[in-house]
Amino acid sequence: MDNNKINRGQIKAIRGSVVDAFFPQLLPMINYELISGEAIIEVTLHLDANTVRGIALTPTQGLKKGDEIIDMGHPLQVPVGSR
């Protein structure tokens, strides 16, 4: 992914596995994958023109308000079958 085209945002709130994030440029689409630290988050709702709500699929321990969050630019992907 081109570093200049990375859609970066900031965590606004964390409540258990629910994460709200602010994106000043481009709002990630529903079901898109977000990454913050080691946490993988799926966008589930657009709260307003710049804020999404997501569900963390991994632990959110260590995340805090103000941390960077990155839009991976694609829907959540799950491997299927043997490799």
PDB file of N, CA and C in Angstrom:
ATOM      1  N   MET A   1       0.848  -1.174   0.000  1.00  0.00           N
ATOM      2  CA  MET A   1       0.000   0.000   0.000  1.00  0.00           C
ATOM      3  C   MET A   1       0.894   1.236   0.000  1.00  0.00           C
ATOM      4  N   ASP A   2       0.646   2.194  -0.927  1.00  0.00           N
ATOM      5  CA  ASP A   2       1.411   3.424  -1.024  1.00  0.00           C
ATOM      6  C   ASP A   2       1.226   4.242   0.254  1.00  0.00           C
ATOM      7  N   ASN A   3       2.322   4.598   0.903  1.00  0.00           N
ATOM      8  CA  ASN A   3       2.270   5.306   2.186  1.00  0.00           C
ATOM      9  C   ASN A   3       1.523   6.638   2.084  1.00  0.00           C
ATOM     10  N   ASN A   4       1.545   7.293   0.913  1.00  0.00           N
ATOM     11  CA  ASN A   4       0.850   8.565   0.727  1.00  0.00           C
ATOM     12  C   ASN A   4      -0.652   8.376   0.607  1.00  0.00           C
ATOM     13  N   LYS A   5      -1.113   7.181   0.259  1.00  0.00           N
ATOM     14  CA  LYS A   5      -2.530   6.924   0.049  1.00  0.00           C
ATOM     15  C   LYS A   5      -3.181   6.204   1.228  1.00  0.00           C
ATOM     16  N   ILE A   6      -2.438   6.000   2.299  1.00  0.00           N
ATOM     17  CA  ILE A   6      -2.987   5.323   3.466  1.00  0.00           C
ATOM     18  C   ILE A   6      -3.994   6.245   4.141  1.00  0.00           C
ATOM     19  N   ASN A   7      -5.196   5.723   4.387  1.00  0.00           N
ATOM     20  CA  ASN A   7      -6.248   6.476   5.047  1.00  0.00           C
ATOM     21  C   ASN A   7      -6.075   6.304   6.553  1.00  0.00           C
ATOM     22  N   ARG A   8      -5.596   7.338   7.218  1.00  0.00           N
ATOM     23  CA  ARG A   8      -5.312   7.282   8.646  1.00  0.00           C
ATOM     24  C   ARG A   8      -6.361   8.054   9.432  1.00  0.00           C
ATOM     25  N   GLY A   9      -6.711   7.503  10.580  1.00  0.00           N
ATOM     26  CA  GLY A   9      -7.654   8.159  11.457  1.00  0.00           C
ATOM     27  C   GLY A   9      -7.162   8.107  12.882  1.00  0.00           C
ATOM     28  N   GLN A  10      -8.069   8.434  13.797  1.00  0.00           N
ATOM     29  CA  GLN A  10      -7.716   8.488  15.211  1.00  0.00           C
ATOM     30  C   GLN A  10      -8.865   7.911  16.038  1.00  0.00           C
ATOM     31  N   ILE A  11      -8.509   7.104  17.026  1.00  0.00           N
ATOM     32  CA  ILE A  11      -9.524   6.523  17.900  1.00  0.00           C
ATOM     33  C   ILE A  11     -10.133   7.631  18.759  1.00  0.00           C
ATOM     34  N   LYS A  12     -11.470   7.677  18.776  1.00  0.00           N
ATOM     35  CA  LYS A  12     -12.192   8.662  19.599  1.00  0.00           C
ATOM     36  C   LYS A  12     -12.660   8.058  20.913  1.00  0.00           C
ATOM     37  N   ALA A  13     -13.056   6.760  20.881  1.00  0.00           N
ATOM     38  CA  ALA A  13     -13.572   6.122  22.093  1.00  0.00           C
ATOM     39  C   ALA A  13     -13.439   4.614  21.974  1.00  0.00           C
ATOM     40  N   ILE A  14     -13.253   3.962  23.127  1.00  0.00           N
ATOM     41  CA  ILE A  14     -13.212   2.498  23.194  1.00  0.00           C
ATOM     42  C   ILE A  14     -14.096   2.076  24.361  1.00  0.00           C
ATOM     43  N   ARG A  15     -15.055   1.208  24.074  1.00  0.00           N
ATOM     44  CA  ARG A  15     -15.929   0.646  25.110  1.00  0.00           C
ATOM     45  C   ARG A  15     -15.966  -0.866  24.899  1.00  0.00           C
ATOM     46  N   GLY A  16     -15.102  -1.557  25.614  1.00  0.00           N
ATOM     47  CA  GLY A  16     -14.997  -3.007  25.422  1.00  0.00           C
ATOM     48  C   GLY A  16     -14.479  -3.296  24.024  1.00  0.00           C
ATOM     49  N   SER A  17     -15.282  -4.003  23.229  1.00  0.00           N
ATOM     50  CA  SER A  17     -14.872  -4.319  21.863  1.00  0.00           C
ATOM     51  C   SER A  17     -15.431  -3.339  20.838  1.00  0.00           C
ATOM     52  N   VAL A  18     -16.113  -2.284  21.302  1.00  0.00           N
ATOM     53  CA  VAL A  18     -16.666  -1.270  20.401  1.00  0.00           C
ATOM     54  C   VAL A  18     -15.682  -0.101  20.315  1.00  0.00           C
ATOM     55  N   VAL A  19     -15.312   0.252  19.077  1.00  0.00           N
ATOM     56  CA  VAL A  19     -14.323   1.302  18.855  1.00  0.00           C
ATOM     57  C   VAL A  19     -14.915   2.355  17.916  1.00  0.00           C
ATOM     58  N   ASP A  20     -14.875   3.625  18.325  1.00  0.00           N
ATOM     59  CA  ASP A  20     -15.270   4.739  17.471  1.00  0.00           C
ATOM     60  C   ASP A  20     -14.001   5.403  16.978  1.00  0.00           C
ATOM     61  N   ALA A  21     -13.971   5.733  15.670  1.00  0.00           N
ATOM     62  CA  ALA A  21     -12.772   6.333  15.090  1.00  0.00           C
ATOM     63  C   ALA A  21     -13.136   7.479  14.156  1.00  0.00           C
ATOM     64  N   PHE A  22     -12.317   8.525  14.179  1.00  0.00           N
ATOM     65  CA  PHE A  22     -12.491   9.716  13.358  1.00  0.00           C
ATOM     66  C   PHE A  22     -11.533   9.645  12.171  1.00  0.00           C
ATOM     67  N   PHE A  23     -12.058   9.842  10.968  1.00  0.00           N
ATOM     68  CA  PHE A  23     -11.254   9.877   9.745  1.00  0.00           C
ATOM     69  C   PHE A  23     -11.479  11.225   9.066  1.00  0.00           C
ATOM     70  N   PRO A  24     -10.472  12.115   9.064  1.00  0.00           N
ATOM     71  CA  PRO A  24     -10.655  13.460   8.521  1.00  0.00           C
ATOM     72  C   PRO A  24     -10.797  13.512   7.001  1.00  0.00           C
ATOM     73  N   GLN A  25     -10.256  12.533   6.287  1.00  0.00           N
ATOM     74  CA  GLN A  25     -10.261  12.572   4.833  1.00  0.00           C
ATOM     75  C   GLN A  25     -11.396  11.753   4.219  1.00  0.00           C
ATOM     76  N   LEU A  26     -11.283  10.453   4.307  1.00  0.00           N
ATOM     77  CA  LEU A  26     -12.193   9.531   3.635  1.00  0.00           C
ATOM     78  C   LEU A  26     -12.750   8.533   4.650  1.00  0.00           C
ATOM     79  N   LEU A  27     -14.059   8.388   4.680  1.00  0.00           N
ATOM     80  CA  LEU A  27     -14.694   7.470   5.622  1.00  0.00           C
ATOM     81  C   LEU A  27     -14.596   6.034   5.103  1.00  0.00           C
ATOM     82  N   PRO A  28     -14.053   5.103   5.891  1.00  0.00           N
ATOM     83  CA  PRO A  28     -14.002   3.705   5.457  1.00  0.00           C
ATOM     84  C   PRO A  28     -15.414   3.151   5.263  1.00  0.00           C
ATOM     85  N   MET A  29     -15.561   2.246   4.326  1.00  0.00           N
ATOM     86  CA  MET A  29     -16.862   1.656   4.035  1.00  0.00           C
ATOM     87  C   MET A  29     -17.236   0.611   5.086  1.00  0.00           C
ATOM     88  N   ILE A  30     -18.533   0.335   5.185  1.00  0.00           N
ATOM     89  CA  ILE A  30     -19.034  -0.705   6.081  1.00  0.00           C
ATOM     90  C   ILE A  30     -18.356  -2.028   5.722  1.00  0.00           C
ATOM     91  N   ASN A  31     -18.018  -2.815   6.717  1.00  0.00           N
ATOM     92  CA  ASN A  31     -17.344  -4.120   6.612  1.00  0.00           C
ATOM     93  C   ASN A  31     -15.862  -4.018   6.256  1.00  0.00           C
ATOM     94  N   TYR A  32     -15.310  -2.805   6.153  1.00  0.00           N
ATOM     95  CA  TYR A  32     -13.897  -2.665   5.861  1.00  0.00           C
ATOM     96  C   TYR A  32     -13.062  -2.966   7.110  1.00  0.00           C
ATOM     97  N   GLU A  33     -11.837  -3.381   6.892  1.00  0.00           N
ATOM     98  CA  GLU A  33     -10.915  -3.744   7.963  1.00  0.00           C
ATOM     99  C   GLU A  33     -10.088  -2.532   8.395  1.00  0.00           C
ATOM    100  N   LEU A  34     -10.027  -2.328   9.698  1.00  0.00           N
ATOM    101  CA  LEU A  34      -9.198  -1.290  10.289  1.00  0.00           C
ATOM    102  C   LEU A  34      -8.170  -1.958  11.195  1.00  0.00           C
ATOM    103  N   ILE A  35      -7.009  -1.334  11.324  1.00  0.00           N
ATOM    104  CA  ILE A  35      -5.950  -1.861  12.186  1.00  0.00           C
ATOM    105  C   ILE A  35      -5.478  -0.738  13.108  1.00  0.00           C
ATOM    106  N   SER A  36      -5.353  -1.044  14.388  1.00  0.00           N
ATOM    107  CA  SER A  36      -4.739  -0.126  15.343  1.00  0.00           C
ATOM    108  C   SER A  36      -3.914  -0.968  16.301  1.00  0.00           C
ATOM    109  N   GLY A  37      -2.623  -0.740  16.302  1.00  0.00           N
ATOM    110  CA  GLY A  37      -1.734  -1.597  17.093  1.00  0.00           C
ATOM    111  C   GLY A  37      -1.885  -3.021  16.612  1.00  0.00           C
ATOM    112  N   GLU A  38      -2.210  -3.932  17.520  1.00  0.00           N
ATOM    113  CA  GLU A  38      -2.429  -5.339  17.168  1.00  0.00           C
ATOM    114  C   GLU A  38      -3.905  -5.649  16.932  1.00  0.00           C
ATOM    115  N   ALA A  39      -4.772  -4.670  17.138  1.00  0.00           N
ATOM    116  CA  ALA A  39      -6.217  -4.895  17.053  1.00  0.00           C
ATOM    117  C   ALA A  39      -6.718  -4.832  15.609  1.00  0.00           C
ATOM    118  N   ILE A  40      -7.578  -5.785  15.275  1.00  0.00           N
ATOM    119  CA  ILE A  40      -8.266  -5.810  13.985  1.00  0.00           C
ATOM    120  C   ILE A  40      -9.717  -5.442  14.257  1.00  0.00           C
ATOM    121  N   ILE A  41     -10.213  -4.456  13.515  1.00  0.00           N
ATOM    122  CA  ILE A  41     -11.547  -3.902  13.759  1.00  0.00           C
ATOM    123  C   ILE A  41     -12.323  -3.900  12.458  1.00  0.00           C
ATOM    124  N   GLU A  42     -13.595  -4.290  12.521  1.00  0.00           N
ATOM    125  CA  GLU A  42     -14.468  -4.260  11.348  1.00  0.00           C
ATOM    126  C   GLU A  42     -15.445  -3.095  11.475  1.00  0.00           C
ATOM    127  N   VAL A  43     -15.526  -2.246  10.441  1.00  0.00           N
ATOM    128  CA  VAL A  43     -16.450  -1.116  10.434  1.00  0.00           C
ATOM    129  C   VAL A  43     -17.875  -1.653  10.367  1.00  0.00           C
ATOM    130  N   THR A  44     -18.717  -1.231  11.296  1.00  0.00           N
ATOM    131  CA  THR A  44     -20.100  -1.702  11.326  1.00  0.00           C
ATOM    132  C   THR A  44     -21.124  -0.588  11.133  1.00  0.00           C
ATOM    133  N   LEU A  45     -20.708   0.685  11.320  1.00  0.00           N
ATOM    134  CA  LEU A  45     -21.675   1.781  11.283  1.00  0.00           C
ATOM    135  C   LEU A  45     -20.975   3.098  10.984  1.00  0.00           C
ATOM    136  N   HIS A  46     -21.632   3.936  10.172  1.00  0.00           N
ATOM    137  CA  HIS A  46     -21.178   5.313   9.975  1.00  0.00           C
ATOM    138  C   HIS A  46     -21.967   6.183  10.943  1.00  0.00           C
ATOM    139  N   LEU A  47     -21.298   6.814  11.895  1.00  0.00           N
ATOM    140  CA  LEU A  47     -21.975   7.647  12.888  1.00  0.00           C
ATOM    141  C   LEU A  47     -22.253   9.048  12.365  1.00  0.00           C
ATOM    142  N   ASP A  48     -21.323   9.594  11.583  1.00  0.00           N
ATOM    143  CA  ASP A  48     -21.506  10.889  10.934  1.00  0.00           C
ATOM    144  C   ASP A  48     -20.540  10.954   9.750  1.00  0.00           C
ATOM    145  N   ALA A  49     -20.338  12.129   9.197  1.00  0.00           N
ATOM    146  CA  ALA A  49     -19.530  12.271   7.981  1.00  0.00           C
ATOM    147  C   ALA A  49     -18.060  11.918   8.163  1.00  0.00           C
ATOM    148  N   ASN A  50     -17.584  11.880   9.401  1.00  0.00           N
ATOM    149  CA  ASN A  50     -16.172  11.590   9.644  1.00  0.00           C
ATOM    150  C   ASN A  50     -15.913  10.511  10.688  1.00  0.00           C
ATOM    151  N   THR A  51     -16.966   9.888  11.214  1.00  0.00           N
ATOM    152  CA  THR A  51     -16.784   8.943  12.314  1.00  0.00           C
ATOM    153  C   THR A  51     -17.433   7.604  12.021  1.00  0.00           C
ATOM    154  N   VAL A  52     -16.679   6.529  12.302  1.00  0.00           N
ATOM    155  CA  VAL A  52     -17.204   5.169  12.154  1.00  0.00           C
ATOM    156  C   VAL A  52     -17.227   4.484  13.512  1.00  0.00           C
ATOM    157  N   ARG A  53     -18.062   3.480  13.621  1.00  0.00           N
ATOM    158  CA  ARG A  53     -18.073   2.596  14.786  1.00  0.00           C
ATOM    159  C   ARG A  53     -17.720   1.215  14.277  1.00  0.00           C
ATOM    160  N   GLY A  54     -16.827   0.552  14.994  1.00  0.00           N
ATOM    161  CA  GLY A  54     -16.410  -0.778  14.601  1.00  0.00           C
ATOM    162  C   GLY A  54     -16.416  -1.736  15.772  1.00  0.00           C
ATOM    163  N   ILE A  55     -16.360  -3.007  15.429  1.00  0.00           N
ATOM    164  CA  ILE A  55     -16.269  -4.072  16.417  1.00  0.00           C
ATOM    165  C   ILE A  55     -14.880  -4.692  16.317  1.00  0.00           C
ATOM    166  N   ALA A  56     -14.181  -4.724  17.444  1.00  0.00           N
ATOM    167  CA  ALA A  56     -12.851  -5.329  17.465  1.00  0.00           C
ATOM    168  C   ALA A  56     -12.986  -6.846  17.451  1.00  0.00           C
ATOM    169  N   LEU A  57     -12.219  -7.475  16.589  1.00  0.00           N
ATOM    170  CA  LEU A  57     -12.236  -8.934  16.470  1.00  0.00           C
ATOM    171  C   LEU A  57     -11.070  -9.559  17.229  1.00  0.00           C
ATOM    172  N   THR A  58     -10.220  -8.719  17.770  1.00  0.00           N
ATOM    173  CA  THR A  58      -9.089  -9.137  18.593  1.00  0.00           C
ATOM    174  C   THR A  58      -9.099  -8.258  19.844  1.00  0.00           C
ATOM    175  N   PRO A  59      -8.340  -8.604  20.868  1.00  0.00           N
ATOM    176  CA  PRO A  59      -8.356  -7.804  22.105  1.00  0.00           C
ATOM    177  C   PRO A  59      -7.988  -6.341  21.862  1.00  0.00           C
ATOM    178  N   THR A  60      -8.606  -5.441  22.632  1.00  0.00           N
ATOM    179  CA  THR A  60      -8.346  -4.002  22.522  1.00  0.00           C
ATOM    180  C   THR A  60      -7.440  -3.501  23.644  1.00  0.00           C
ATOM    181  N   GLN A  61      -6.909  -4.406  24.441  1.00  0.00           N
ATOM    182  CA  GLN A  61      -6.014  -4.009  25.533  1.00  0.00           C
ATOM    183  C   GLN A  61      -4.858  -3.189  24.980  1.00  0.00           C
ATOM    184  N   GLY A  62      -4.564  -2.096  25.623  1.00  0.00           N
ATOM    185  CA  GLY A  62      -3.459  -1.253  25.203  1.00  0.00           C
ATOM    186  C   GLY A  62      -3.875  -0.122  24.274  1.00  0.00           C
ATOM    187  N   LEU A  63      -5.050  -0.217  23.659  1.00  0.00           N
ATOM    188  CA  LEU A  63      -5.518   0.873  22.810  1.00  0.00           C
ATOM    189  C   LEU A  63      -6.059   1.994  23.684  1.00  0.00           C
ATOM    190  N   LYS A  64      -5.912   3.216  23.184  1.00  0.00           N
ATOM    191  CA  LYS A  64      -6.431   4.356  23.943  1.00  0.00           C
ATOM    192  C   LYS A  64      -6.899   5.445  22.990  1.00  0.00           C
ATOM    193  N   LYS A  65      -7.689   6.341  23.528  1.00  0.00           N
ATOM    194  CA  LYS A  65      -8.175   7.483  22.775  1.00  0.00           C
ATOM    195  C   LYS A  65      -6.977   8.245  22.212  1.00  0.00           C
ATOM    196  N   GLY A  66      -7.063   8.598  20.931  1.00  0.00           N
ATOM    197  CA  GLY A  66      -5.975   9.331  20.281  1.00  0.00           C
ATOM    198  C   GLY A  66      -5.023   8.459  19.483  1.00  0.00           C
ATOM    199  N   ASP A  67      -5.057   7.138  19.687  1.00  0.00           N
ATOM    200  CA  ASP A  67      -4.190   6.240  18.923  1.00  0.00           C
ATOM    201  C   ASP A  67      -4.545   6.281  17.439  1.00  0.00           C
ATOM    202  N   GLU A  68      -3.533   6.079  16.604  1.00  0.00           N
ATOM    203  CA  GLU A  68      -3.744   6.016  15.159  1.00  0.00           C
ATOM    204  C   GLU A  68      -4.497   4.737  14.791  1.00  0.00           C
ATOM    205  N   ILE A  69      -5.373   4.850  13.798  1.00  0.00           N
ATOM    206  CA  ILE A  69      -6.090   3.701  13.266  1.00  0.00           C
ATOM    207  C   ILE A  69      -6.000   3.792  11.747  1.00  0.00           C
ATOM    208  N   ILE A  70      -5.764   2.668  11.085  1.00  0.00           N
ATOM    209  CA  ILE A  70      -5.523   2.658   9.645  1.00  0.00           C
ATOM    210  C   ILE A  70      -6.610   1.869   8.935  1.00  0.00           C
ATOM    211  N   ASP A  71      -7.175   2.489   7.894  1.00  0.00           N
ATOM    212  CA  ASP A  71      -8.128   1.833   7.000  1.00  0.00           C
ATOM    213  C   ASP A  71      -7.311   0.991   6.028  1.00  0.00           C
ATOM    214  N   MET A  72      -7.528  -0.315   6.036  1.00  0.00           N
ATOM    215  CA  MET A  72      -6.755  -1.214   5.176  1.00  0.00           C
ATOM    216  C   MET A  72      -7.189  -1.141   3.708  1.00  0.00           C
ATOM    217  N   GLY A  73      -8.310  -0.471   3.429  1.00  0.00           N
ATOM    218  CA  GLY A  73      -8.720  -0.259   2.045  1.00  0.00           C
ATOM    219  C   GLY A  73      -9.440  -1.427   1.409  1.00  0.00           C
ATOM    220  N   HIS A  74      -9.861  -2.392   2.238  1.00  0.00           N
ATOM    221  CA  HIS A  74     -10.592  -3.542   1.706  1.00  0.00           C
ATOM    222  C   HIS A  74     -11.476  -4.127   2.805  1.00  0.00           C
ATOM    223  N   PRO A  75     -12.495  -4.888   2.399  1.00  0.00           N
ATOM    224  CA  PRO A  75     -13.343  -5.545   3.402  1.00  0.00           C
ATOM    225  C   PRO A  75     -12.537  -6.549   4.219  1.00  0.00           C
ATOM    226  N   LEU A  76     -13.073  -6.880   5.373  1.00  0.00           N
ATOM    227  CA  LEU A  76     -12.464  -7.902   6.205  1.00  0.00           C
ATOM    228  C   LEU A  76     -12.318  -9.183   5.391  1.00  0.00           C
ATOM    229  N   GLN A  77     -11.172  -9.818   5.476  1.00  0.00           N
ATOM    230  CA  GLN A  77     -10.916 -11.030   4.711  1.00  0.00           C
ATOM    231  C   GLN A  77     -10.670 -12.206   5.648  1.00  0.00           C
ATOM    232  N   VAL A  78     -11.284 -13.333   5.326  1.00  0.00           N
ATOM    233  CA  VAL A  78     -11.144 -14.540   6.132  1.00  0.00           C
ATOM    234  C   VAL A  78     -10.644 -15.660   5.234  1.00  0.00           C
ATOM    235  N   PRO A  79      -9.531 -16.304   5.586  1.00  0.00           N
ATOM    236  CA  PRO A  79      -9.053 -17.409   4.757  1.00  0.00           C
ATOM    237  C   PRO A  79     -10.022 -18.589   4.811  1.00  0.00           C
ATOM    238  N   VAL A  80     -10.190 -19.225   3.673  1.00  0.00           N
ATOM    239  CA  VAL A  80     -11.089 -20.375   3.579  1.00  0.00           C
ATOM    240  C   VAL A  80     -10.335 -21.529   2.938  1.00  0.00           C
ATOM    241  N   GLY A  81     -10.454 -22.718   3.497  1.00  0.00           N
ATOM    242  CA  GLY A  81      -9.828 -23.894   2.926  1.00  0.00           C
ATOM    243  C   GLY A  81      -8.372 -24.040   3.334  1.00  0.00           C
ATOM    244  N   SER A  82      -7.753 -25.100   2.857  1.00  0.00           N
ATOM    245  CA  SER A  82      -6.356 -25.351   3.195  1.00  0.00           C
ATOM    246  C   SER A  82      -5.444 -24.576   2.259  1.00  0.00           C
ATOM    247  N   ARG A  83      -4.247 -24.298   2.760  1.00  0.00           N
ATOM    248  CA  ARG A  83      -3.302 -23.519   1.963  1.00  0.00           C
ATOM    249  C   ARG A  83      -2.237 -24.389   1.442  1.00  0.00           C
TER     250      ARG A  83
END
